[in-house]
């Protein structure tokens, strides 16, 4: 690819923001693009929880980056982790080389934020990456395998108590999916385990789940989860997580070996000698054009960008990231032609969260849906947004199979973590499985 006499755009991160920025710049005359990401695949994060709940395989929500860029002659992909950004020299340092840029889009995304809760980072299971989801799936299945050979009821109940910290979309969706897994396929796989020994607990520090939706939809969600068998505890603030379990601010305690942390995320800020303005959860504050103040050639997008609208930062969700990635690319094209960049305005098309079989909550504009209709809307939207025909096909097949037969075919404990009854050799950094 001849990159001479072209404006060089470097994009860090192949998440929703970075990938949609690439799509907008692909094939544009006078533009050369370098996409940098440590993974050679894009992950469809909205369905990540289903990997952790043994509903779909990880490759069904991941797509090779090089396949996506195969026809984009002006795009170069570099598998690397960006080490440091030198804003003054207009270059990114990675793999022991300097990559110069005319324009830079920083879309490094976010990581799990444990909010300084004692023991959370060591003992809780995050759910933010494909690796996290696979570790969690292996651990949950291993808990049942170990429980099948334990005679002590108290020890067995502790092993089969799963606490989900955080009542946002990820926490709610995982609670529903996990409950259907343990009450359905795993109940049939382990008939010797008393049903009363298995419990799924969803804890939320606020007074309602899904605070971004209306109180009516929040109440429906909590009620539906309770009817499914989830123990929903509101106003329960986690104080400490240990090998023994989880302690709350009111003095209560839950004996468990499994705490899944879905309570929040913070931005992944690339290293730099330049001090950039940050929000409390480590998001980079941007101008309304998505540019970094004082750096008109630098754009910050996705979860890392902190842009306020109507007095509050935009949420860290896929639709925001997609729109910002596209907008940053369009602004760069405007700048390359000598025009001024335009302010970004988020178009809120709604929100949706699935609870379980035949149940979801959805807001489209000002209209709200719940139950079966919302569930169908959720299915259609997610299938439409999955990348790749093969991924769409296999996810649909898995969902249909699960729906008809109440089965999940991917209940596999794969080598690498929690791959033996004693948990020896576990690669999970918390050593919770030992």
Protein backbone atom coordinates (compact mmCIF):
# COMPACT_ATOMS: atom_id res chain seq x y z
CA UNK A 1 0.00 0.00 0.00
CA UNK A 2 1.45 3.35 -1.10
CA UNK A 3 1.11 5.62 1.91
CA UNK A 4 3.05 8.56 0.52
CA UNK A 5 1.26 11.89 0.28
CA UNK A 6 -1.58 10.54 2.40
CA UNK A 7 -2.77 11.74 5.75
CA UNK A 8 -1.90 9.03 8.22
CA UNK A 9 -4.60 8.18 10.75
CA UNK A 10 -3.59 5.93 13.65
CA UNK A 11 -6.40 4.24 15.57
CA UNK A 12 -5.67 2.58 18.91
CA UNK A 13 -8.24 -0.07 19.78
CA UNK A 14 -10.47 -2.34 17.69
CA UNK A 15 -13.55 -2.14 19.85
CA UNK A 16 -16.80 -0.61 18.65
CA UNK A 17 -15.42 2.93 18.38
CA UNK A 18 -12.16 2.00 16.71
CA UNK A 19 -13.66 -0.50 14.30
CA UNK A 20 -16.43 1.81 13.14
CA UNK A 21 -13.90 4.59 12.68
CA UNK A 22 -11.89 2.25 10.45
CA UNK A 23 -15.02 1.39 8.46
CA UNK A 24 -15.69 5.09 7.89
CA UNK A 25 -12.13 5.74 6.68
CA UNK A 26 -11.72 2.59 4.59
CA UNK A 27 -11.30 3.33 0.89
CA UNK A 28 -11.11 7.12 1.36
CA UNK A 29 -8.72 8.86 -1.00
CA UNK A 30 -5.81 10.65 0.55
CA UNK A 31 -6.11 8.67 3.80
CA UNK A 32 -3.89 5.88 5.15
CA UNK A 33 -4.99 4.10 8.33
CA UNK A 34 -3.08 2.02 10.87
CA UNK A 35 -5.21 0.11 13.36
CA UNK A 36 -3.44 -1.06 16.53
CA UNK A 37 -4.86 -3.68 18.89
CA UNK A 38 -3.33 -6.39 21.05
CA UNK A 39 -6.01 -8.87 19.96
CA UNK A 40 -6.47 -10.00 16.38
CA UNK A 41 -10.24 -10.07 16.79
CA UNK A 42 -13.15 -7.78 17.57
CA UNK A 43 -15.42 -8.88 20.43
CA UNK A 44 -19.16 -8.30 20.41
CA UNK A 45 -19.32 -7.39 24.09
CA UNK A 46 -23.13 -7.25 24.49
CA UNK A 47 -23.20 -11.07 24.32
CA UNK A 48 -20.09 -11.69 26.39
CA UNK A 49 -22.16 -12.76 29.39
CA UNK A 50 -23.58 -15.66 27.33
CA UNK A 51 -20.08 -17.07 26.93
CA UNK A 52 -19.66 -16.99 30.71
CA UNK A 53 -23.04 -18.69 31.13
CA UNK A 54 -22.14 -21.52 28.71
CA UNK A 55 -24.74 -20.50 26.13
CA UNK A 56 -22.47 -19.70 23.19
CA UNK A 57 -18.84 -20.28 22.30
CA UNK A 58 -16.33 -17.39 22.41
CA UNK A 59 -15.61 -17.56 18.68
CA UNK A 60 -19.29 -16.87 18.00
CA UNK A 61 -18.99 -13.32 19.30
CA UNK A 62 -15.51 -12.64 17.97
CA UNK A 63 -14.45 -11.87 14.42
CA UNK A 64 -10.91 -11.74 12.95
CA UNK A 65 -9.80 -8.18 12.33
CA UNK A 66 -7.82 -9.08 9.24
CA UNK A 67 -10.92 -10.64 7.68
CA UNK A 68 -12.84 -7.43 8.32
CA UNK A 69 -10.10 -5.34 6.71
CA UNK A 70 -9.32 -7.66 3.81
CA UNK A 71 -10.88 -5.37 1.20
CA UNK A 72 -9.71 -2.11 2.80
CA UNK A 73 -6.61 -1.35 0.75
CA UNK A 74 -5.72 1.79 2.70
CA UNK A 75 -5.85 0.11 6.13
CA UNK A 76 -2.96 -1.64 7.89
CA UNK A 77 -3.53 -3.73 11.01
CA UNK A 78 -0.80 -4.02 13.62
CA UNK A 79 -1.17 -6.58 16.38
CA UNK A 80 0.46 -4.79 19.26
CA UNK A 81 -0.28 -3.07 22.53
CA UNK A 82 0.27 0.66 22.33
CA UNK A 83 2.98 1.42 24.86
CA UNK A 84 2.96 5.20 25.02
CA UNK A 85 1.62 8.21 23.13
CA UNK A 86 3.92 11.15 22.47
CA UNK A 87 1.45 13.91 21.72
CA UNK A 88 4.21 16.46 21.08
CA UNK A 89 6.02 14.31 18.54
CA UNK A 90 2.77 13.00 17.04
CA UNK A 91 3.68 9.36 17.40
CA UNK A 92 2.64 6.15 19.14
CA UNK A 93 5.30 3.91 20.65
CA UNK A 94 4.67 0.17 20.36
CA UNK A 95 6.67 -2.96 19.54
CA UNK A 96 9.90 -0.94 19.94
CA UNK A 97 9.00 1.35 17.07
CA UNK A 98 7.54 4.80 16.57
CA UNK A 99 4.39 5.10 14.50
CA UNK A 100 3.87 8.67 13.39
CA UNK A 101 0.44 10.09 12.79
CA UNK A 102 -1.24 13.10 11.28
CA UNK A 103 -4.41 12.25 13.16
CA UNK A 104 -4.94 9.96 16.13
CA UNK A 105 -8.09 8.24 17.38
CA UNK A 106 -7.73 6.85 20.88
CA UNK A 107 -10.31 4.12 21.46
CA UNK A 108 -8.66 1.94 24.09
CA UNK A 109 -11.95 1.17 25.85
CA UNK A 110 -12.39 0.32 29.49
CA UNK A 111 -11.46 -2.20 32.17
CA UNK A 112 -13.18 -3.50 35.30
CA UNK A 113 -13.31 -0.95 38.12
CA UNK A 114 -13.39 -2.43 41.63
CA UNK A 115 -13.96 0.94 43.34
CA UNK A 116 -11.30 0.23 46.00
CA UNK A 117 -13.50 -2.51 47.53
CA UNK A 118 -11.20 -4.57 49.73
CA UNK A 119 -10.33 -7.91 48.17
CA UNK A 120 -12.47 -7.39 45.04
CA UNK A 121 -9.62 -7.36 42.55
CA UNK A 122 -8.08 -10.47 44.07
CA UNK A 123 -11.14 -12.59 44.77
CA UNK A 124 -13.90 -11.46 42.39
CA UNK A 125 -14.33 -12.66 38.83
CA UNK A 126 -14.50 -9.86 36.25
CA UNK A 127 -16.58 -10.16 33.08
CA UNK A 128 -15.02 -7.77 30.57
CA UNK A 129 -13.03 -9.87 28.09
CA UNK A 130 -13.29 -13.22 26.33
CA UNK A 131 -10.64 -14.58 28.70
CA UNK A 132 -12.74 -13.42 31.67
CA UNK A 133 -15.81 -15.17 30.29
CA UNK A 134 -13.98 -18.44 29.67
CA UNK A 135 -12.40 -18.40 33.13
CA UNK A 136 -15.82 -17.79 34.64
CA UNK A 137 -17.49 -20.55 32.61
CA UNK A 138 -14.84 -23.05 33.60
CA UNK A 139 -15.10 -22.04 37.24
CA UNK A 140 -18.90 -22.34 37.42
CA UNK A 141 -18.91 -25.77 35.80
CA UNK A 142 -16.03 -26.87 38.03
CA UNK A 143 -17.98 -25.80 41.11
CA UNK A 144 -20.72 -28.26 40.16
CA UNK A 145 -18.22 -31.02 39.46
CA UNK A 146 -16.62 -30.52 42.87
CA UNK A 147 -20.00 -30.25 44.61
CA UNK A 148 -21.07 -33.62 43.23
CA UNK A 149 -18.49 -35.30 45.50
CA UNK A 150 -19.01 -33.22 48.65
CA UNK A 151 -21.13 -34.66 51.45
CA UNK A 152 -21.01 -31.64 53.77
CA UNK A 153 -24.21 -29.62 53.01
CA UNK A 154 -22.74 -26.32 54.25
CA UNK A 155 -19.62 -26.71 52.14
CA UNK A 156 -21.71 -27.68 49.12
CA UNK A 157 -24.03 -24.66 49.50
CA UNK A 158 -21.05 -22.33 49.72
CA UNK A 159 -19.61 -23.85 46.57
CA UNK A 160 -22.92 -23.47 44.74
CA UNK A 161 -23.73 -19.92 45.84
CA UNK A 162 -23.04 -17.44 43.04
CA UNK A 163 -23.07 -13.75 43.93
CA UNK A 164 -23.28 -11.14 41.16
CA UNK A 165 -22.22 -7.67 42.30
CA UNK A 166 -23.84 -4.97 40.19
CA UNK A 167 -27.42 -4.55 39.01
CA UNK A 168 -26.67 -2.90 35.68
CA UNK A 169 -27.31 -4.50 32.26
CA UNK A 170 -24.43 -6.99 32.50
CA UNK A 171 -25.32 -8.05 36.04
CA UNK A 172 -29.01 -8.49 35.24
CA UNK A 173 -28.39 -10.39 32.01
CA UNK A 174 -25.82 -12.67 33.58
CA UNK A 175 -28.04 -13.34 36.60
CA UNK A 176 -30.85 -14.44 34.31
CA UNK A 177 -28.61 -16.55 32.07
CA UNK A 178 -26.84 -18.20 35.00
CA UNK A 179 -30.13 -19.02 36.72
CA UNK A 180 -31.45 -20.69 33.58
CA UNK A 181 -28.19 -22.66 33.33
CA UNK A 182 -28.19 -23.94 36.93
CA UNK A 183 -31.97 -24.55 37.08
CA UNK A 184 -32.07 -26.25 33.70
CA UNK A 185 -29.15 -28.13 32.08
CA UNK A 186 -26.99 -28.40 35.21
CA UNK A 187 -29.93 -29.61 37.29
CA UNK A 188 -30.32 -32.48 34.83
CA UNK A 189 -26.56 -33.09 34.69
CA UNK A 190 -26.27 -33.31 38.48
CA UNK A 191 -29.46 -34.96 39.78
CA UNK A 192 -27.74 -35.82 43.06
CA UNK A 193 -27.30 -32.16 44.02
CA UNK A 194 -30.32 -30.83 45.98
CA UNK A 195 -31.92 -27.89 44.19
CA UNK A 196 -32.00 -25.94 47.44
CA UNK A 197 -28.20 -25.97 47.63
CA UNK A 198 -27.89 -23.83 44.49
CA UNK A 199 -28.49 -20.10 44.69
CA UNK A 200 -27.90 -17.08 42.47
CA UNK A 201 -27.74 -13.76 44.32
CA UNK A 202 -27.81 -10.37 42.57
CA UNK A 203 -26.70 -7.47 44.81
CA UNK A 204 -27.07 -3.80 43.92
CA UNK A 205 -25.98 -0.85 46.04
CA UNK A 206 -28.76 1.40 44.70
CA UNK A 207 -32.45 1.01 45.46
CA UNK A 208 -33.29 -0.45 42.06
CA UNK A 209 -31.68 -2.39 39.23
CA UNK A 210 -31.19 -0.92 35.75
CA UNK A 211 -31.11 2.66 36.96
CA UNK A 212 -30.78 3.96 33.37
CA UNK A 213 -34.33 2.74 32.65
CA UNK A 214 -37.63 3.89 34.11
CA UNK A 215 -38.67 2.78 37.61
CA UNK A 216 -41.48 0.78 36.01
CA UNK A 217 -39.08 -1.32 33.91
CA UNK A 218 -36.68 -1.65 36.85
CA UNK A 219 -39.46 -2.99 39.06
CA UNK A 220 -40.55 -5.45 36.35
CA UNK A 221 -36.96 -6.66 35.97
CA UNK A 222 -36.47 -7.25 39.70
CA UNK A 223 -39.80 -9.04 39.97
CA UNK A 224 -39.07 -11.24 36.96
CA UNK A 225 -35.64 -12.20 38.33
CA UNK A 226 -37.18 -13.10 41.68
CA UNK A 227 -39.78 -15.32 39.99
CA UNK A 228 -36.94 -17.05 38.13
CA UNK A 229 -35.29 -17.87 41.43
CA UNK A 230 -32.73 -15.08 41.71
CA UNK A 231 -32.22 -13.62 45.19
CA UNK A 232 -32.28 -9.87 44.42
CA UNK A 233 -30.87 -7.66 47.19
CA UNK A 234 -31.15 -3.91 46.73
CA UNK A 235 -29.34 -1.28 48.78
CA UNK A 236 -26.65 -3.87 49.46
CA UNK A 237 -23.23 -2.26 49.27
CA UNK A 238 -20.27 -4.59 49.07
CA UNK A 239 -17.68 -3.79 51.73
CA UNK A 240 -15.17 -6.62 51.37
CA UNK A 241 -14.62 -9.79 49.35
CA UNK A 242 -12.48 -12.59 50.71
CA UNK A 243 -11.87 -16.29 50.22
CA UNK A 244 -14.66 -16.87 52.74
CA UNK A 245 -17.28 -14.83 50.89
CA UNK A 246 -18.61 -11.30 50.57
CA UNK A 247 -19.32 -8.82 53.39
CA UNK A 248 -21.74 -5.91 53.12
CA UNK A 249 -21.86 -2.49 54.69
CA UNK A 250 -24.84 -3.40 56.90
CA UNK A 251 -22.86 -6.21 58.54
CA UNK A 252 -24.43 -9.10 56.60
CA UNK A 253 -22.31 -11.79 54.99
CA UNK A 254 -22.74 -14.40 52.24
CA UNK A 255 -20.66 -17.57 52.27
CA UNK A 256 -19.53 -18.14 48.71
CA UNK A 257 -16.60 -19.06 46.54
CA UNK A 258 -17.90 -17.14 43.54
CA UNK A 259 -18.38 -13.38 43.28
CA UNK A 260 -18.87 -12.05 39.75
CA UNK A 261 -18.04 -8.33 39.57
CA UNK A 262 -20.19 -6.34 37.13
CA UNK A 263 -20.43 -3.17 39.19
CA UNK A 264 -18.56 -0.80 36.93
CA UNK A 265 -15.71 0.01 34.58
CA UNK A 266 -13.11 2.73 34.14
CA UNK A 267 -11.25 3.98 31.10
CA UNK A 268 -7.95 2.52 29.90
CA UNK A 269 -5.75 5.60 29.60
CA UNK A 270 -2.65 5.11 27.43
CA UNK A 271 0.67 6.10 28.93
CA UNK A 272 1.92 9.57 28.05
CA UNK A 273 4.19 12.26 29.42
CA UNK A 274 1.43 14.72 28.65
CA UNK A 275 -1.17 15.18 31.39
CA UNK A 276 -4.67 14.79 30.00
CA UNK A 277 -7.86 15.87 31.81
CA UNK A 278 -9.56 12.87 33.45
CA UNK A 279 -12.95 12.22 35.01
CA UNK A 280 -13.21 10.36 38.36
CA UNK A 281 -13.49 6.99 36.58
CA UNK A 282 -10.42 7.71 34.42
CA UNK A 283 -12.13 8.80 31.24
CA UNK A 284 -10.45 11.48 29.16
CA UNK A 285 -12.42 14.71 29.01
CA UNK A 286 -12.93 15.87 25.43
CA UNK A 287 -14.25 18.87 23.58
CA UNK A 288 -17.71 18.59 22.03
CA UNK A 289 -16.01 17.65 18.75
CA UNK A 290 -14.43 14.62 20.50
CA UNK A 291 -11.02 16.28 20.18
CA UNK A 292 -8.54 16.47 23.02
CA UNK A 293 -8.30 20.08 24.15
CA UNK A 294 -5.23 21.74 22.68
CA UNK A 295 -4.66 18.75 20.38
CA UNK A 296 -6.87 19.25 17.31
CA UNK A 297 -5.31 16.20 15.63
CA UNK A 298 -6.27 13.85 18.50
CA UNK A 299 -9.72 12.33 18.99
CA UNK A 300 -10.89 10.30 21.97
CA UNK A 301 -13.86 7.97 21.50
CA UNK A 302 -15.86 5.16 23.07
CA UNK A 303 -15.67 4.20 26.73
CA UNK A 304 -12.51 6.27 27.18
CA UNK A 305 -14.18 9.52 26.13
CA UNK A 306 -15.92 11.62 28.76
CA UNK A 307 -18.29 13.97 26.97
CA UNK A 308 -21.19 15.49 28.85
CA UNK A 309 -24.64 16.03 27.43
CA UNK A 310 -27.43 17.55 29.50
CA UNK A 311 -25.13 17.75 32.52
CA UNK A 312 -24.09 14.08 32.61
CA UNK A 313 -21.39 12.03 30.85
CA UNK A 314 -22.57 9.87 28.00
CA UNK A 315 -22.92 6.22 29.05
CA UNK A 316 -20.20 3.66 28.32
CA UNK A 317 -22.24 1.56 25.90
CA UNK A 318 -21.80 0.24 22.38
CA UNK A 319 -24.19 2.65 20.58
CA UNK A 320 -22.30 5.65 21.94
CA UNK A 321 -18.97 4.15 20.91
CA UNK A 322 -20.18 3.33 17.39
CA UNK A 323 -21.54 6.81 16.80
CA UNK A 324 -18.41 8.46 18.20
CA UNK A 325 -16.11 6.31 16.08
CA UNK A 326 -17.99 7.29 12.95
CA UNK A 327 -18.10 10.96 13.98
CA UNK A 328 -14.38 11.15 14.72
CA UNK A 329 -13.62 9.65 11.30
CA UNK A 330 -15.94 12.11 9.55
CA UNK A 331 -14.35 15.03 11.41
CA UNK A 332 -10.90 13.88 10.33
CA UNK A 333 -12.08 13.75 6.73
CA UNK A 334 -13.40 17.29 7.15
CA UNK A 335 -10.09 18.47 8.61
CA UNK A 336 -8.14 16.82 5.77
CA UNK A 337 -10.20 18.93 3.35
CA UNK A 338 -9.57 22.12 5.33
CA UNK A 339 -12.99 22.28 7.03
CA UNK A 340 -13.69 22.63 10.74
CA UNK A 341 -14.77 19.60 12.77
CA UNK A 342 -18.38 19.49 13.93
CA UNK A 343 -19.73 18.96 17.48
CA UNK A 344 -20.85 15.45 18.32
CA UNK A 345 -24.47 14.84 19.33
CA UNK A 346 -25.50 11.42 20.54
CA UNK A 347 -28.69 10.02 19.02
CA UNK A 348 -30.26 7.94 21.76
CA UNK A 349 -32.20 5.22 19.98
CA UNK A 350 -33.05 3.41 23.21
CA UNK A 351 -31.81 0.69 25.51
CA UNK A 352 -32.56 -2.98 25.97
CA UNK A 353 -31.75 -5.68 28.50
CA UNK A 354 -32.74 -9.33 28.37
CA UNK A 355 -33.74 -11.02 31.62
CA UNK A 356 -34.21 -14.58 30.43
CA UNK A 357 -36.43 -16.80 28.38
CA UNK A 358 -39.33 -14.77 26.89
CA UNK A 359 -38.52 -11.73 29.01
CA UNK A 360 -36.69 -8.48 28.41
CA UNK A 361 -37.10 -4.74 28.90
CA UNK A 362 -36.69 -2.31 26.04
CA UNK A 363 -36.90 1.43 25.51
CA UNK A 364 -37.09 2.68 21.93
CA UNK A 365 -37.35 6.44 21.90
CA UNK A 366 -40.10 7.23 24.39
CA UNK A 367 -41.85 3.89 24.00
CA UNK A 368 -41.26 1.09 26.49
CA UNK A 369 -41.71 -2.63 26.03
CA UNK A 370 -41.40 -5.52 28.43
CA UNK A 371 -41.86 -9.27 28.38
CA UNK A 372 -42.07 -11.35 25.22
CA UNK A 373 -42.27 -8.48 22.73
CA UNK A 374 -39.22 -6.81 24.25
CA UNK A 375 -37.42 -10.15 24.15
CA UNK A 376 -38.09 -10.54 20.43
CA UNK A 377 -36.86 -6.99 19.79
CA UNK A 378 -33.70 -7.75 21.76
CA UNK A 379 -33.05 -10.91 19.70
CA UNK A 380 -33.53 -9.19 16.34
CA UNK A 381 -31.34 -6.19 17.22
CA UNK A 382 -28.47 -8.31 18.53
CA UNK A 383 -28.49 -10.70 15.59
CA UNK A 384 -28.50 -7.76 13.19
CA UNK A 385 -25.49 -6.18 14.88
CA UNK A 386 -23.36 -9.32 15.13
CA UNK A 387 -20.47 -9.23 12.67
CA UNK A 388 -20.23 -12.03 10.13
CA UNK A 389 -22.85 -14.38 8.67
CA UNK A 390 -21.26 -17.42 10.32
CA UNK A 391 -21.49 -15.83 13.77
CA UNK A 392 -25.12 -14.85 13.20
CA UNK A 393 -25.97 -18.39 12.06
CA UNK A 394 -24.30 -20.23 14.93
CA UNK A 395 -25.72 -17.90 17.59
CA UNK A 396 -29.23 -18.34 16.17
CA UNK A 397 -28.79 -22.14 16.11
CA UNK A 398 -27.58 -22.16 19.74
CA UNK A 399 -30.47 -19.97 20.86
CA UNK A 400 -33.06 -22.10 19.07
CA UNK A 401 -31.55 -25.30 20.47
CA UNK A 402 -31.56 -23.85 23.99
CA UNK A 403 -35.11 -22.57 23.61
CA UNK A 404 -36.60 -25.85 22.34
CA UNK A 405 -34.64 -28.41 24.34
CA UNK A 406 -33.64 -26.41 27.45
CA UNK A 407 -30.07 -27.45 26.73
CA UNK A 408 -26.70 -25.74 26.34
CA UNK A 409 -24.22 -27.65 24.23
CA UNK A 410 -21.12 -25.69 25.28
CA UNK A 411 -20.93 -26.86 28.90
CA UNK A 412 -17.24 -27.66 28.51
CA UNK A 413 -14.46 -27.25 31.06
CA UNK A 414 -11.53 -26.44 28.80
CA UNK A 415 -7.86 -26.71 29.76
CA UNK A 416 -6.26 -23.63 31.22
CA UNK A 417 -8.32 -22.77 34.27
CA UNK A 418 -10.33 -24.79 36.73
CA UNK A 419 -9.74 -27.87 34.61
CA UNK A 420 -9.61 -30.41 37.43
CA UNK A 421 -11.75 -31.14 40.47
CA UNK A 422 -9.25 -29.65 42.90
CA UNK A 423 -8.73 -26.44 40.99
CA UNK A 424 -4.98 -27.08 40.82
CA UNK A 425 -3.18 -25.31 38.04
CA UNK A 426 -5.84 -22.61 37.80
CA UNK A 427 -4.62 -19.64 35.82
CA UNK A 428 -7.11 -17.20 37.36
CA UNK A 429 -5.16 -14.53 39.17
CA UNK A 430 -7.43 -14.52 42.19
CA UNK A 431 -6.70 -18.16 43.07
CA UNK A 432 -10.37 -18.41 44.03
CA UNK A 433 -10.61 -21.86 42.54
CA UNK A 434 -8.00 -23.44 44.74
